[in-house]
Amino acid sequence: MLDGSVPLGGVYANLVNVWHSNLEFTLEFAVTLPSRPEMPDAVYVAWMKLPPQVAWDLAQHLSDHVAQYEEEFAAFTPRPPDQEEP
């Protein structure tokens, strides 16, 4: 699958924006920097375009891993209303 011929890397993101068209889903990843008032609220660092079937597979895998996380560590709790994103 991965033979090392393509350099791989990653970026940190703590925010994702999702939207879709009839052909694809787009995930835009960003970093919020609340400790740096001179910076905008979020800086986009990466994006992905996925066909619908791959987006569905991703949603299933995320759901499975969230359940595993909750079994291992703790259940997620909803954010208080004053901390919800607009």
PDB file of N, CA and C in Angstrom:
ATOM      1  N   MET A   1       0.831  -1.187   0.000  1.00  0.00           N
ATOM      2  CA  MET A   1       0.000   0.000   0.000  1.00  0.00           C
ATOM      3  C   MET A   1       0.873   1.246   0.000  1.00  0.00           C
ATOM      4  N   LEU A   2       1.579   1.504   1.083  1.00  0.00           N
ATOM      5  CA  LEU A   2       2.502   2.633   1.128  1.00  0.00           C
ATOM      6  C   LEU A   2       3.915   2.099   1.044  1.00  0.00           C
ATOM      7  N   ASP A   3       4.613   2.473  -0.008  1.00  0.00           N
ATOM      8  CA  ASP A   3       5.951   1.927  -0.207  1.00  0.00           C
ATOM      9  C   ASP A   3       7.063   2.891   0.185  1.00  0.00           C
ATOM     10  N   GLY A   4       6.716   4.059   0.711  1.00  0.00           N
ATOM     11  CA  GLY A   4       7.732   5.019   1.126  1.00  0.00           C
ATOM     12  C   GLY A   4       8.184   5.945   0.014  1.00  0.00           C
ATOM     13  N   SER A   5       7.669   5.779  -1.195  1.00  0.00           N
ATOM     14  CA  SER A   5       8.102   6.623  -2.294  1.00  0.00           C
ATOM     15  C   SER A   5       7.484   8.019  -2.247  1.00  0.00           C
ATOM     16  N   VAL A   6       6.397   8.170  -1.493  1.00  0.00           N
ATOM     17  CA  VAL A   6       5.759   9.468  -1.353  1.00  0.00           C
ATOM     18  C   VAL A   6       5.968   9.941   0.074  1.00  0.00           C
ATOM     19  N   PRO A   7       6.562  11.139   0.251  1.00  0.00           N
ATOM     20  CA  PRO A   7       6.751  11.624   1.632  1.00  0.00           C
ATOM     21  C   PRO A   7       5.408  11.885   2.293  1.00  0.00           C
ATOM     22  N   LEU A   8       5.271  11.427   3.523  1.00  0.00           N
ATOM     23  CA  LEU A   8       4.032  11.614   4.263  1.00  0.00           C
ATOM     24  C   LEU A   8       4.250  12.620   5.375  1.00  0.00           C
ATOM     25  N   GLY A   9       3.226  13.344   5.705  1.00  0.00           N
ATOM     26  CA  GLY A   9       3.314  14.311   6.787  1.00  0.00           C
ATOM     27  C   GLY A   9       1.944  14.519   7.381  1.00  0.00           C
ATOM     28  N   GLY A  10       1.878  15.325   8.365  1.00  0.00           N
ATOM     29  CA  GLY A  10       0.607  15.594   9.009  1.00  0.00           C
ATOM     30  C   GLY A  10       0.621  16.977   9.607  1.00  0.00           C
ATOM     31  N   VAL A  11      -0.550  17.463   9.926  1.00  0.00           N
ATOM     32  CA  VAL A  11      -0.693  18.755  10.574  1.00  0.00           C
ATOM     33  C   VAL A  11      -1.684  18.598  11.717  1.00  0.00           C
ATOM     34  N   TYR A  12      -1.536  19.420  12.732  1.00  0.00           N
ATOM     35  CA  TYR A  12      -2.460  19.422  13.852  1.00  0.00           C
ATOM     36  C   TYR A  12      -3.674  20.261  13.484  1.00  0.00           C
ATOM     37  N   ALA A  13      -4.855  19.793  13.837  1.00  0.00           N
ATOM     38  CA  ALA A  13      -6.090  20.556  13.663  1.00  0.00           C
ATOM     39  C   ALA A  13      -6.998  20.271  14.847  1.00  0.00           C
ATOM     40  N   ASN A  14      -7.662  21.308  15.359  1.00  0.00           N
ATOM     41  CA  ASN A  14      -8.608  21.108  16.449  1.00  0.00           C
ATOM     42  C   ASN A  14     -10.003  21.615  16.085  1.00  0.00           C
ATOM     43  N   LEU A  15     -10.218  21.784  14.775  1.00  0.00           N
ATOM     44  CA  LEU A  15     -11.508  22.230  14.268  1.00  0.00           C
ATOM     45  C   LEU A  15     -11.675  21.683  12.859  1.00  0.00           C
ATOM     46  N   VAL A  16     -12.876  21.254  12.518  1.00  0.00           N
ATOM     47  CA  VAL A  16     -13.142  20.793  11.148  1.00  0.00           C
ATOM     48  C   VAL A  16     -14.473  21.361  10.686  1.00  0.00           C
ATOM     49  N   ASN A  17     -14.493  21.820   9.453  1.00  0.00           N
ATOM     50  CA  ASN A  17     -15.707  22.305   8.809  1.00  0.00           C
ATOM     51  C   ASN A  17     -16.039  21.318   7.700  1.00  0.00           C
ATOM     52  N   VAL A  18     -17.284  20.869   7.623  1.00  0.00           N
ATOM     53  CA  VAL A  18     -17.684  19.867   6.632  1.00  0.00           C
ATOM     54  C   VAL A  18     -18.781  20.446   5.757  1.00  0.00           C
ATOM     55  N   TRP A  19     -18.659  20.244   4.472  1.00  0.00           N
ATOM     56  CA  TRP A  19     -19.731  20.613   3.550  1.00  0.00           C
ATOM     57  C   TRP A  19     -19.723  19.626   2.395  1.00  0.00           C
ATOM     58  N   HIS A  20     -20.775  19.664   1.574  1.00  0.00           N
ATOM     59  CA  HIS A  20     -20.872  18.682   0.498  1.00  0.00           C
ATOM     60  C   HIS A  20     -21.581  19.250  -0.724  1.00  0.00           C
ATOM     61  N   SER A  21     -21.333  18.598  -1.842  1.00  0.00           N
ATOM     62  CA  SER A  21     -22.064  18.843  -3.084  1.00  0.00           C
ATOM     63  C   SER A  21     -22.672  17.499  -3.489  1.00  0.00           C
ATOM     64  N   ASN A  22     -23.224  17.428  -4.670  1.00  0.00           N
ATOM     65  CA  ASN A  22     -23.787  16.152  -5.106  1.00  0.00           C
ATOM     66  C   ASN A  22     -22.707  15.142  -5.475  1.00  0.00           C
ATOM     67  N   LEU A  23     -21.455  15.575  -5.620  1.00  0.00           N
ATOM     68  CA  LEU A  23     -20.370  14.686  -6.031  1.00  0.00           C
ATOM     69  C   LEU A  23     -19.357  14.362  -4.947  1.00  0.00           C
ATOM     70  N   GLU A  24     -19.219  15.230  -3.933  1.00  0.00           N
ATOM     71  CA  GLU A  24     -18.142  15.018  -2.968  1.00  0.00           C
ATOM     72  C   GLU A  24     -18.436  15.706  -1.638  1.00  0.00           C
ATOM     73  N   PHE A  25     -17.721  15.240  -0.621  1.00  0.00           N
ATOM     74  CA  PHE A  25     -17.718  15.871   0.691  1.00  0.00           C
ATOM     75  C   PHE A  25     -16.381  16.575   0.848  1.00  0.00           C
ATOM     76  N   THR A  26     -16.392  17.730   1.478  1.00  0.00           N
ATOM     77  CA  THR A  26     -15.161  18.468   1.737  1.00  0.00           C
ATOM     78  C   THR A  26     -15.006  18.631   3.233  1.00  0.00           C
ATOM     79  N   LEU A  27     -13.819  18.307   3.737  1.00  0.00           N
ATOM     80  CA  LEU A  27     -13.473  18.512   5.135  1.00  0.00           C
ATOM     81  C   LEU A  27     -12.359  19.542   5.155  1.00  0.00           C
ATOM     82  N   GLU A  28     -12.593  20.662   5.811  1.00  0.00           N
ATOM     83  CA  GLU A  28     -11.598  21.717   5.942  1.00  0.00           C
ATOM     84  C   GLU A  28     -11.118  21.714   7.401  1.00  0.00           C
ATOM     85  N   PHE A  29      -9.841  21.472   7.591  1.00  0.00           N
ATOM     86  CA  PHE A  29      -9.270  21.382   8.931  1.00  0.00           C
ATOM     87  C   PHE A  29      -8.605  22.699   9.293  1.00  0.00           C
ATOM     88  N   ALA A  30      -8.772  23.111  10.543  1.00  0.00           N
ATOM     89  CA  ALA A  30      -8.229  24.381  11.002  1.00  0.00           C
ATOM     90  C   ALA A  30      -7.691  24.244  12.417  1.00  0.00           C
ATOM     91  N   VAL A  31      -6.912  25.241  12.805  1.00  0.00           N
ATOM     92  CA  VAL A  31      -6.392  25.342  14.167  1.00  0.00           C
ATOM     93  C   VAL A  31      -6.900  26.641  14.741  1.00  0.00           C
ATOM     94  N   THR A  32      -7.461  26.568  15.933  1.00  0.00           N
ATOM     95  CA  THR A  32      -7.845  27.786  16.638  1.00  0.00           C
ATOM     96  C   THR A  32      -6.701  28.167  17.559  1.00  0.00           C
ATOM     97  N   LEU A  33      -6.476  29.452  17.640  1.00  0.00           N
ATOM     98  CA  LEU A  33      -5.340  29.954  18.423  1.00  0.00           C
ATOM     99  C   LEU A  33      -5.822  31.006  19.421  1.00  0.00           C
ATOM    100  N   PRO A  34      -6.574  30.600  20.441  1.00  0.00           N
ATOM    101  CA  PRO A  34      -7.119  31.587  21.376  1.00  0.00           C
ATOM    102  C   PRO A  34      -6.055  32.321  22.180  1.00  0.00           C
ATOM    103  N   SER A  35      -4.874  31.755  22.302  1.00  0.00           N
ATOM    104  CA  SER A  35      -3.824  32.401  23.097  1.00  0.00           C
ATOM    105  C   SER A  35      -3.086  33.481  22.312  1.00  0.00           C
ATOM    106  N   ARG A  36      -3.410  33.647  21.023  1.00  0.00           N
ATOM    107  CA  ARG A  36      -2.726  34.648  20.200  1.00  0.00           C
ATOM    108  C   ARG A  36      -3.755  35.631  19.654  1.00  0.00           C
ATOM    109  N   PRO A  37      -4.060  36.693  20.414  1.00  0.00           N
ATOM    110  CA  PRO A  37      -5.115  37.619  20.005  1.00  0.00           C
ATOM    111  C   PRO A  37      -4.838  38.319  18.669  1.00  0.00           C
ATOM    112  N   GLU A  38      -3.579  38.398  18.259  1.00  0.00           N
ATOM    113  CA  GLU A  38      -3.263  39.065  16.997  1.00  0.00           C
ATOM    114  C   GLU A  38      -3.585  38.198  15.786  1.00  0.00           C
ATOM    115  N   MET A  39      -3.886  36.912  16.018  1.00  0.00           N
ATOM    116  CA  MET A  39      -4.206  35.988  14.935  1.00  0.00           C
ATOM    117  C   MET A  39      -5.716  35.894  14.757  1.00  0.00           C
ATOM    118  N   PRO A  40      -6.164  35.532  13.562  1.00  0.00           N
ATOM    119  CA  PRO A  40      -7.602  35.298  13.385  1.00  0.00           C
ATOM    120  C   PRO A  40      -8.076  34.137  14.260  1.00  0.00           C
ATOM    121  N   ASP A  41      -9.397  33.981  14.381  1.00  0.00           N
ATOM    122  CA  ASP A  41      -9.960  32.938  15.235  1.00  0.00           C
ATOM    123  C   ASP A  41      -9.496  31.545  14.838  1.00  0.00           C
ATOM    124  N   ALA A  42      -9.349  31.284  13.545  1.00  0.00           N
ATOM    125  CA  ALA A  42      -8.933  29.962  13.086  1.00  0.00           C
ATOM    126  C   ALA A  42      -8.093  30.126  11.824  1.00  0.00           C
ATOM    127  N   VAL A  43      -7.146  29.226  11.672  1.00  0.00           N
ATOM    128  CA  VAL A  43      -6.292  29.207  10.495  1.00  0.00           C
ATOM    129  C   VAL A  43      -6.468  27.849   9.834  1.00  0.00           C
ATOM    130  N   TYR A  44      -6.884  27.829   8.574  1.00  0.00           N
ATOM    131  CA  TYR A  44      -7.041  26.565   7.869  1.00  0.00           C
ATOM    132  C   TYR A  44      -5.679  25.974   7.543  1.00  0.00           C
ATOM    133  N   VAL A  45      -5.517  24.685   7.841  1.00  0.00           N
ATOM    134  CA  VAL A  45      -4.225  24.029   7.648  1.00  0.00           C
ATOM    135  C   VAL A  45      -4.263  22.907   6.622  1.00  0.00           C
ATOM    136  N   ALA A  46      -5.450  22.397   6.299  1.00  0.00           N
ATOM    137  CA  ALA A  46      -5.550  21.306   5.324  1.00  0.00           C
ATOM    138  C   ALA A  46      -7.002  21.118   4.935  1.00  0.00           C
ATOM    139  N   TRP A  47      -7.217  20.470   3.805  1.00  0.00           N
ATOM    140  CA  TRP A  47      -8.566  20.090   3.411  1.00  0.00           C
ATOM    141  C   TRP A  47      -8.513  18.780   2.651  1.00  0.00           C
ATOM    142  N   MET A  48      -9.657  18.100   2.651  1.00  0.00           N
ATOM    143  CA  MET A  48      -9.786  16.816   1.945  1.00  0.00           C
ATOM    144  C   MET A  48     -11.099  16.828   1.181  1.00  0.00           C
ATOM    145  N   LYS A  49     -11.071  16.301  -0.024  1.00  0.00           N
ATOM    146  CA  LYS A  49     -12.289  16.088  -0.801  1.00  0.00           C
ATOM    147  C   LYS A  49     -12.467  14.582  -0.939  1.00  0.00           C
ATOM    148  N   LEU A  50     -13.660  14.096  -0.569  1.00  0.00           N
ATOM    149  CA  LEU A  50     -13.931  12.659  -0.553  1.00  0.00           C
ATOM    150  C   LEU A  50     -15.171  12.345  -1.367  1.00  0.00           C
ATOM    151  N   PRO A  51     -15.145  11.240  -2.125  1.00  0.00           N
ATOM    152  CA  PRO A  51     -16.390  10.806  -2.752  1.00  0.00           C
ATOM    153  C   PRO A  51     -17.363  10.331  -1.668  1.00  0.00           C
ATOM    154  N   PRO A  52     -18.673  10.354  -1.954  1.00  0.00           N
ATOM    155  CA  PRO A  52     -19.660   9.998  -0.925  1.00  0.00           C
ATOM    156  C   PRO A  52     -19.404   8.659  -0.238  1.00  0.00           C
ATOM    157  N   GLN A  53     -19.032   7.619  -0.964  1.00  0.00           N
ATOM    158  CA  GLN A  53     -18.809   6.313  -0.337  1.00  0.00           C
ATOM    159  C   GLN A  53     -17.661   6.370   0.668  1.00  0.00           C
ATOM    160  N   VAL A  54     -16.601   7.083   0.339  1.00  0.00           N
ATOM    161  CA  VAL A  54     -15.471   7.198   1.264  1.00  0.00           C
ATOM    162  C   VAL A  54     -15.880   8.018   2.490  1.00  0.00           C
ATOM    163  N   ALA A  55     -16.694   9.061   2.290  1.00  0.00           N
ATOM    164  CA  ALA A  55     -17.182   9.843   3.431  1.00  0.00           C
ATOM    165  C   ALA A  55     -18.029   8.966   4.350  1.00  0.00           C
ATOM    166  N   TRP A  56     -18.861   8.098   3.761  1.00  0.00           N
ATOM    167  CA  TRP A  56     -19.682   7.187   4.564  1.00  0.00           C
ATOM    168  C   TRP A  56     -18.791   6.228   5.351  1.00  0.00           C
ATOM    169  N   ASP A  57     -17.778   5.662   4.674  1.00  0.00           N
ATOM    170  CA  ASP A  57     -16.844   4.763   5.358  1.00  0.00           C
ATOM    171  C   ASP A  57     -16.135   5.484   6.501  1.00  0.00           C
ATOM    172  N   LEU A  58     -15.706   6.713   6.261  1.00  0.00           N
ATOM    173  CA  LEU A  58     -15.033   7.503   7.303  1.00  0.00           C
ATOM    174  C   LEU A  58     -15.961   7.716   8.495  1.00  0.00           C
ATOM    175  N   ALA A  59     -17.223   8.047   8.237  1.00  0.00           N
ATOM    176  CA  ALA A  59     -18.181   8.253   9.327  1.00  0.00           C
ATOM    177  C   ALA A  59     -18.347   6.981  10.154  1.00  0.00           C
ATOM    178  N   GLN A  60     -18.397   5.831   9.490  1.00  0.00           N
ATOM    179  CA  GLN A  60     -18.530   4.560  10.207  1.00  0.00           C
ATOM    180  C   GLN A  60     -17.299   4.277  11.070  1.00  0.00           C
ATOM    181  N   HIS A  61     -16.113   4.494  10.494  1.00  0.00           N
ATOM    182  CA  HIS A  61     -14.873   4.255  11.241  1.00  0.00           C
ATOM    183  C   HIS A  61     -14.754   5.210  12.430  1.00  0.00           C
ATOM    184  N   LEU A  62     -15.109   6.475  12.229  1.00  0.00           N
ATOM    185  CA  LEU A  62     -15.058   7.431  13.340  1.00  0.00           C
ATOM    186  C   LEU A  62     -16.014   7.020  14.450  1.00  0.00           C
ATOM    187  N   SER A  63     -17.212   6.592  14.072  1.00  0.00           N
ATOM    188  CA  SER A  63     -18.187   6.160  15.060  1.00  0.00           C
ATOM    189  C   SER A  63     -17.659   4.966  15.866  1.00  0.00           C
ATOM    190  N   ASP A  64     -17.060   4.010  15.169  1.00  0.00           N
ATOM    191  CA  ASP A  64     -16.490   2.842  15.852  1.00  0.00           C
ATOM    192  C   ASP A  64     -15.390   3.254  16.823  1.00  0.00           C
ATOM    193  N   HIS A  65     -14.526   4.153  16.388  1.00  0.00           N
ATOM    194  CA  HIS A  65     -13.405   4.553  17.246  1.00  0.00           C
ATOM    195  C   HIS A  65     -13.845   5.437  18.407  1.00  0.00           C
ATOM    196  N   VAL A  66     -14.864   6.255  18.205  1.00  0.00           N
ATOM    197  CA  VAL A  66     -15.404   7.035  19.324  1.00  0.00           C
ATOM    198  C   VAL A  66     -15.957   6.083  20.383  1.00  0.00           C
ATOM    199  N   ALA A  67     -16.664   5.043  19.959  1.00  0.00           N
ATOM    200  CA  ALA A  67     -17.198   4.058  20.910  1.00  0.00           C
ATOM    201  C   ALA A  67     -16.062   3.360  21.652  1.00  0.00           C
ATOM    202  N   GLN A  68     -15.004   2.995  20.948  1.00  0.00           N
ATOM    203  CA  GLN A  68     -13.851   2.356  21.591  1.00  0.00           C
ATOM    204  C   GLN A  68     -13.187   3.312  22.583  1.00  0.00           C
ATOM    205  N   TYR A  69     -13.054   4.589  22.199  1.00  0.00           N
ATOM    206  CA  TYR A  69     -12.473   5.599  23.082  1.00  0.00           C
ATOM    207  C   TYR A  69     -13.286   5.712  24.367  1.00  0.00           C
ATOM    208  N   GLU A  70     -14.619   5.785  24.206  1.00  0.00           N
ATOM    209  CA  GLU A  70     -15.480   5.932  25.377  1.00  0.00           C
ATOM    210  C   GLU A  70     -15.398   4.713  26.294  1.00  0.00           C
ATOM    211  N   GLU A  71     -15.255   3.522  25.726  1.00  0.00           N
ATOM    212  CA  GLU A  71     -15.093   2.320  26.550  1.00  0.00           C
ATOM    213  C   GLU A  71     -13.772   2.354  27.308  1.00  0.00           C
ATOM    214  N   GLU A  72     -12.733   2.850  26.668  1.00  0.00           N
ATOM    215  CA  GLU A  72     -11.401   2.834  27.278  1.00  0.00           C
ATOM    216  C   GLU A  72     -11.181   3.972  28.265  1.00  0.00           C
ATOM    217  N   PHE A  73     -11.698   5.170  27.946  1.00  0.00           N
ATOM    218  CA  PHE A  73     -11.394   6.341  28.771  1.00  0.00           C
ATOM    219  C   PHE A  73     -12.634   6.861  29.503  1.00  0.00           C
ATOM    220  N   ALA A  74     -13.535   7.468  28.789  1.00  0.00           N
ATOM    221  CA  ALA A  74     -14.750   8.011  29.403  1.00  0.00           C
ATOM    222  C   ALA A  74     -15.687   8.460  28.298  1.00  0.00           C
ATOM    223  N   ALA A  75     -16.976   8.504  28.636  1.00  0.00           N
ATOM    224  CA  ALA A  75     -17.960   8.966  27.664  1.00  0.00           C
ATOM    225  C   ALA A  75     -17.802  10.463  27.441  1.00  0.00           C
ATOM    226  N   PHE A  76     -18.045  10.871  26.218  1.00  0.00           N
ATOM    227  CA  PHE A  76     -18.044  12.298  25.921  1.00  0.00           C
ATOM    228  C   PHE A  76     -19.279  12.922  26.536  1.00  0.00           C
ATOM    229  N   THR A  77     -19.169  14.161  26.955  1.00  0.00           N
ATOM    230  CA  THR A  77     -20.325  14.891  27.460  1.00  0.00           C
ATOM    231  C   THR A  77     -20.554  16.086  26.543  1.00  0.00           C
ATOM    232  N   PRO A  78     -21.801  16.472  26.360  1.00  0.00           N
ATOM    233  CA  PRO A  78     -22.087  17.625  25.498  1.00  0.00           C
ATOM    234  C   PRO A  78     -21.425  18.883  26.042  1.00  0.00           C
ATOM    235  N   ARG A  79     -21.080  19.789  25.142  1.00  0.00           N
ATOM    236  CA  ARG A  79     -20.526  21.080  25.572  1.00  0.00           C
ATOM    237  C   ARG A  79     -21.625  21.917  26.210  1.00  0.00           C
ATOM    238  N   PRO A  80     -21.259  22.690  27.222  1.00  0.00           N
ATOM    239  CA  PRO A  80     -22.247  23.624  27.781  1.00  0.00           C
ATOM    240  C   PRO A  80     -22.696  24.613  26.700  1.00  0.00           C
ATOM    241  N   PRO A  81     -23.930  25.130  26.781  1.00  0.00           N
ATOM    242  CA  PRO A  81     -24.439  26.030  25.721  1.00  0.00           C
ATOM    243  C   PRO A  81     -23.532  27.214  25.428  1.00  0.00           C
ATOM    244  N   ASP A  82     -22.846  27.753  26.436  1.00  0.00           N
ATOM    245  CA  ASP A  82     -21.992  28.914  26.199  1.00  0.00           C
ATOM    246  C   ASP A  82     -20.688  28.553  25.472  1.00  0.00           C
ATOM    247  N   GLN A  83     -20.402  27.263  25.287  1.00  0.00           N
ATOM    248  CA  GLN A  83     -19.201  26.837  24.592  1.00  0.00           C
ATOM    249  C   GLN A  83     -19.486  26.201  23.245  1.00  0.00           C
ATOM    250  N   GLU A  84     -20.754  26.154  22.849  1.00  0.00           N
ATOM    251  CA  GLU A  84     -21.105  25.563  21.561  1.00  0.00           C
ATOM    252  C   GLU A  84     -20.631  26.470  20.443  1.00  0.00           C
ATOM    253  N   GLU A  85     -20.255  25.848  19.335  1.00  0.00           N
ATOM    254  CA  GLU A  85     -19.835  26.611  18.180  1.00  0.00           C
ATOM    255  C   GLU A  85     -21.071  27.130  17.461  1.00  0.00           C
ATOM    256  N   PRO A  86     -20.962  28.306  16.847  1.00  0.00           N
ATOM    257  CA  PRO A  86     -22.130  28.884  16.153  1.00  0.00           C
ATOM    258  C   PRO A  86     -22.569  28.045  14.975  1.00  0.00           C
TER     259      PRO A  86
END
